[in-house]
Amino acid sequence: MAIKIFAIGLLLFILEIAYLSTHKPITLEIKKQNIDFSDITFENINAFVLTKEGIKSTLKASYALNYKDKIMLYDIDSHLIFDKRADTIKADEAMHQNDTFYLKKNVVYESNDSTLLKTDDLVYNTTKGTAISDAPFIMKQENLDAKGSYFVYNTKERYIKAKNIVVNIEEK
């Protein structure tokens, strides 16, 4: 009896193979679809820029809205890591578009060489490494306090150009 069941099973298997070999195979076409991450809301963001040398910058934000052409960020705390120093940028609001951050409201740029810049409007270009403000600003550095109406801070070469500046220097 077991031999009859085995023979019938083997016969069915051979018939199935013969049947499948005479038909055109069915191909499954999987099309890769581009996922669109626009019009999405993110909360409690922790982002990093990684290179071969290590972490180049970090970004924390409490809330973000991602659109097709820009990203709106809120409560920003970012660290820019250079060779031997790290700068910090904090702001209430920011817009990221084409390698540029447009920071608004309570912007604080602090370099670990004790330079502190406060303003309400700052444009930071990540490619060029420049921070530009057309709004009134306050700068503090060791025993120096300054106020002005415009500045450009080159983060790579570490120099500041300012206009309409009033400087107070404390002597020790």
Protein backbone atom coordinates (compact mmCIF):
# COMPACT_ATOMS: atom_id res chain seq x y z
CA MET A 1 0.00 0.00 0.00
CA ALA A 2 2.81 2.40 0.90
CA ILE A 3 4.47 1.68 -2.46
CA LYS A 4 1.24 2.55 -4.33
CA ILE A 5 0.94 5.91 -2.46
CA PHE A 6 4.62 6.67 -3.12
CA ALA A 7 4.23 5.78 -6.83
CA ILE A 8 1.10 7.94 -7.20
CA GLY A 9 2.82 10.85 -5.41
CA LEU A 10 5.89 10.51 -7.65
CA LEU A 11 3.67 10.36 -10.75
CA LEU A 12 1.81 13.53 -9.69
CA PHE A 13 5.11 15.27 -9.05
CA ILE A 14 6.42 14.32 -12.52
CA LEU A 15 3.16 15.49 -14.17
CA GLU A 16 3.39 18.82 -12.31
CA ILE A 17 7.00 19.32 -13.47
CA ALA A 18 6.02 18.50 -17.07
CA TYR A 19 3.06 20.88 -16.91
CA LEU A 20 5.14 23.75 -15.46
CA SER A 21 7.94 23.28 -17.99
CA THR A 22 5.54 23.79 -20.92
CA HIS A 23 4.21 27.15 -19.66
CA LYS A 24 5.86 30.54 -19.76
CA PRO A 25 7.13 31.47 -16.30
CA ILE A 26 5.41 34.27 -14.48
CA THR A 27 7.72 37.12 -13.62
CA LEU A 28 7.00 39.42 -10.75
CA GLU A 29 7.82 43.04 -11.49
CA ILE A 30 8.53 45.06 -8.39
CA LYS A 31 8.70 48.76 -9.10
CA LYS A 32 10.64 50.88 -6.67
CA GLN A 33 8.59 53.84 -5.59
CA ASN A 34 10.16 57.03 -4.34
CA ILE A 35 8.93 57.73 -0.87
CA ASP A 36 7.93 61.35 -0.39
CA PHE A 37 8.75 62.60 3.09
CA SER A 38 7.11 65.98 2.57
CA ASP A 39 4.32 67.31 4.75
CA ILE A 40 5.42 65.22 7.72
CA THR A 41 5.71 66.35 11.34
CA PHE A 42 8.56 65.15 13.55
CA GLU A 43 8.89 65.55 17.31
CA ASN A 44 11.94 65.37 19.60
CA ILE A 45 14.56 65.31 16.84
CA ASN A 46 18.16 64.22 17.42
CA ALA A 47 20.10 64.44 14.15
CA PHE A 48 23.81 63.94 13.40
CA VAL A 49 26.07 64.68 10.45
CA LEU A 50 28.61 61.86 10.18
CA THR A 51 31.74 61.82 8.01
CA LYS A 52 34.84 59.63 7.82
CA GLU A 53 36.45 61.89 10.42
CA GLY A 54 33.53 61.45 12.83
CA ILE A 55 30.59 63.59 13.95
CA LYS A 56 30.62 67.05 12.32
CA SER A 57 27.44 68.47 13.83
CA THR A 58 24.45 67.61 15.96
CA LEU A 59 20.97 69.07 15.94
CA LYS A 60 18.25 68.81 18.53
CA ALA A 61 14.79 70.25 18.01
CA SER A 62 11.52 69.80 19.81
CA TYR A 63 9.39 69.94 16.67
CA ALA A 64 9.88 69.97 12.90
CA LEU A 65 7.65 70.32 9.85
CA ASN A 66 9.07 68.87 6.64
CA TYR A 67 7.84 70.44 3.39
CA LYS A 68 8.95 69.68 -0.18
CA ASP A 69 11.27 72.70 -0.37
CA LYS A 70 12.12 73.46 3.28
CA ILE A 71 12.15 72.22 6.86
CA MET A 72 10.77 74.30 9.73
CA LEU A 73 12.40 73.59 13.12
CA TYR A 74 11.46 74.80 16.60
CA ASP A 75 13.54 75.06 19.80
CA ILE A 76 16.88 74.41 18.12
CA ASP A 77 20.06 73.36 19.92
CA SER A 78 22.87 72.65 17.47
CA HIS A 79 26.56 71.90 17.92
CA LEU A 80 29.03 72.49 15.09
CA ILE A 81 32.16 70.43 15.61
CA PHE A 82 35.38 71.72 14.07
CA ASP A 83 38.91 70.28 14.42
CA LYS A 84 39.68 71.52 17.93
CA ARG A 85 36.52 73.32 18.99
CA ALA A 86 32.74 73.12 19.03
CA ASP A 87 30.34 76.01 18.45
CA THR A 88 26.75 76.09 19.68
CA ILE A 89 23.73 77.68 18.00
CA LYS A 90 20.41 77.99 19.78
CA ALA A 91 17.19 79.56 18.51
CA ASP A 92 13.43 79.44 18.97
CA GLU A 93 12.69 78.94 15.25
CA ALA A 94 14.64 78.00 12.15
CA MET A 95 14.06 77.19 8.51
CA HIS A 96 16.47 74.93 6.62
CA GLN A 97 16.63 75.35 2.87
CA ASN A 98 19.44 74.61 0.38
CA ASP A 99 22.32 74.22 2.90
CA THR A 100 21.25 77.38 4.76
CA PHE A 101 19.62 77.82 8.15
CA TYR A 102 17.47 80.92 8.68
CA LEU A 103 17.27 81.31 12.47
CA LYS A 104 14.76 83.59 14.20
CA LYS A 105 13.92 84.68 17.76
CA ASN A 106 16.43 84.52 20.60
CA VAL A 107 19.36 83.34 18.50
CA VAL A 108 22.53 82.63 20.49
CA TYR A 109 25.78 81.69 18.74
CA GLU A 110 28.48 80.65 21.17
CA SER A 111 31.98 79.59 20.27
CA ASN A 112 34.09 77.71 22.80
CA ASP A 113 36.75 80.45 22.48
CA SER A 114 34.42 82.54 24.72
CA THR A 115 32.74 84.48 21.90
CA LEU A 116 29.00 84.94 22.39
CA LEU A 117 26.69 86.53 19.80
CA LYS A 118 23.01 87.25 20.50
CA THR A 119 20.53 88.45 17.90
CA ASP A 120 16.97 87.85 16.69
CA ASP A 121 17.81 87.04 13.06
CA LEU A 122 20.71 84.94 11.77
CA VAL A 123 21.48 83.23 8.46
CA TYR A 124 23.98 80.36 8.74
CA ASN A 125 25.35 78.87 5.52
CA THR A 126 26.66 75.37 6.24
CA THR A 127 28.72 75.13 3.04
CA LYS A 128 30.55 78.46 3.44
CA GLY A 129 30.59 78.37 7.23
CA THR A 130 29.33 81.93 7.61
CA ALA A 131 26.84 83.38 10.06
CA ILE A 132 25.28 86.68 8.95
CA SER A 133 22.89 88.91 10.88
CA ASP A 134 21.17 92.07 9.62
CA ALA A 135 19.46 92.58 12.99
CA PRO A 136 20.90 94.37 16.03
CA PHE A 137 23.25 92.12 17.98
CA ILE A 138 25.18 91.85 21.23
CA MET A 139 28.64 90.32 21.31
CA LYS A 140 30.53 89.29 24.45
CA GLN A 141 34.09 88.10 24.54
CA GLU A 142 36.13 87.88 27.76
CA ASN A 143 36.44 91.54 28.87
CA LEU A 144 34.74 93.02 25.78
CA ASP A 145 31.06 93.89 25.27
CA ALA A 146 29.84 95.17 21.92
CA LYS A 147 26.57 96.15 20.27
CA GLY A 148 25.99 96.65 16.59
CA SER A 149 23.54 96.48 13.70
CA TYR A 150 25.16 93.95 11.31
CA PHE A 151 27.82 91.24 11.47
CA VAL A 152 29.38 88.45 9.45
CA TYR A 153 31.12 85.69 11.38
CA ASN A 154 33.34 83.35 9.39
CA THR A 155 33.36 80.16 11.46
CA LYS A 156 36.17 78.49 9.52
CA GLU A 157 38.69 81.34 9.64
CA ARG A 158 37.24 82.72 12.91
CA TYR A 159 36.89 86.41 12.26
CA ILE A 160 33.98 88.84 12.67
CA LYS A 161 33.13 91.84 10.50
CA ALA A 162 30.59 94.24 12.02
CA LYS A 163 28.91 97.57 11.23
CA ASN A 164 27.71 100.39 13.49
CA ILE A 165 29.43 98.84 16.47
CA VAL A 166 29.86 100.29 19.95
CA VAL A 167 32.51 98.52 22.04
CA ASN A 168 32.97 98.58 25.82
CA ILE A 169 36.27 97.16 27.10
CA GLU A 170 36.71 96.39 30.79
CA GLU A 171 40.15 96.82 32.24
CA LYS A 172 41.32 94.54 35.01
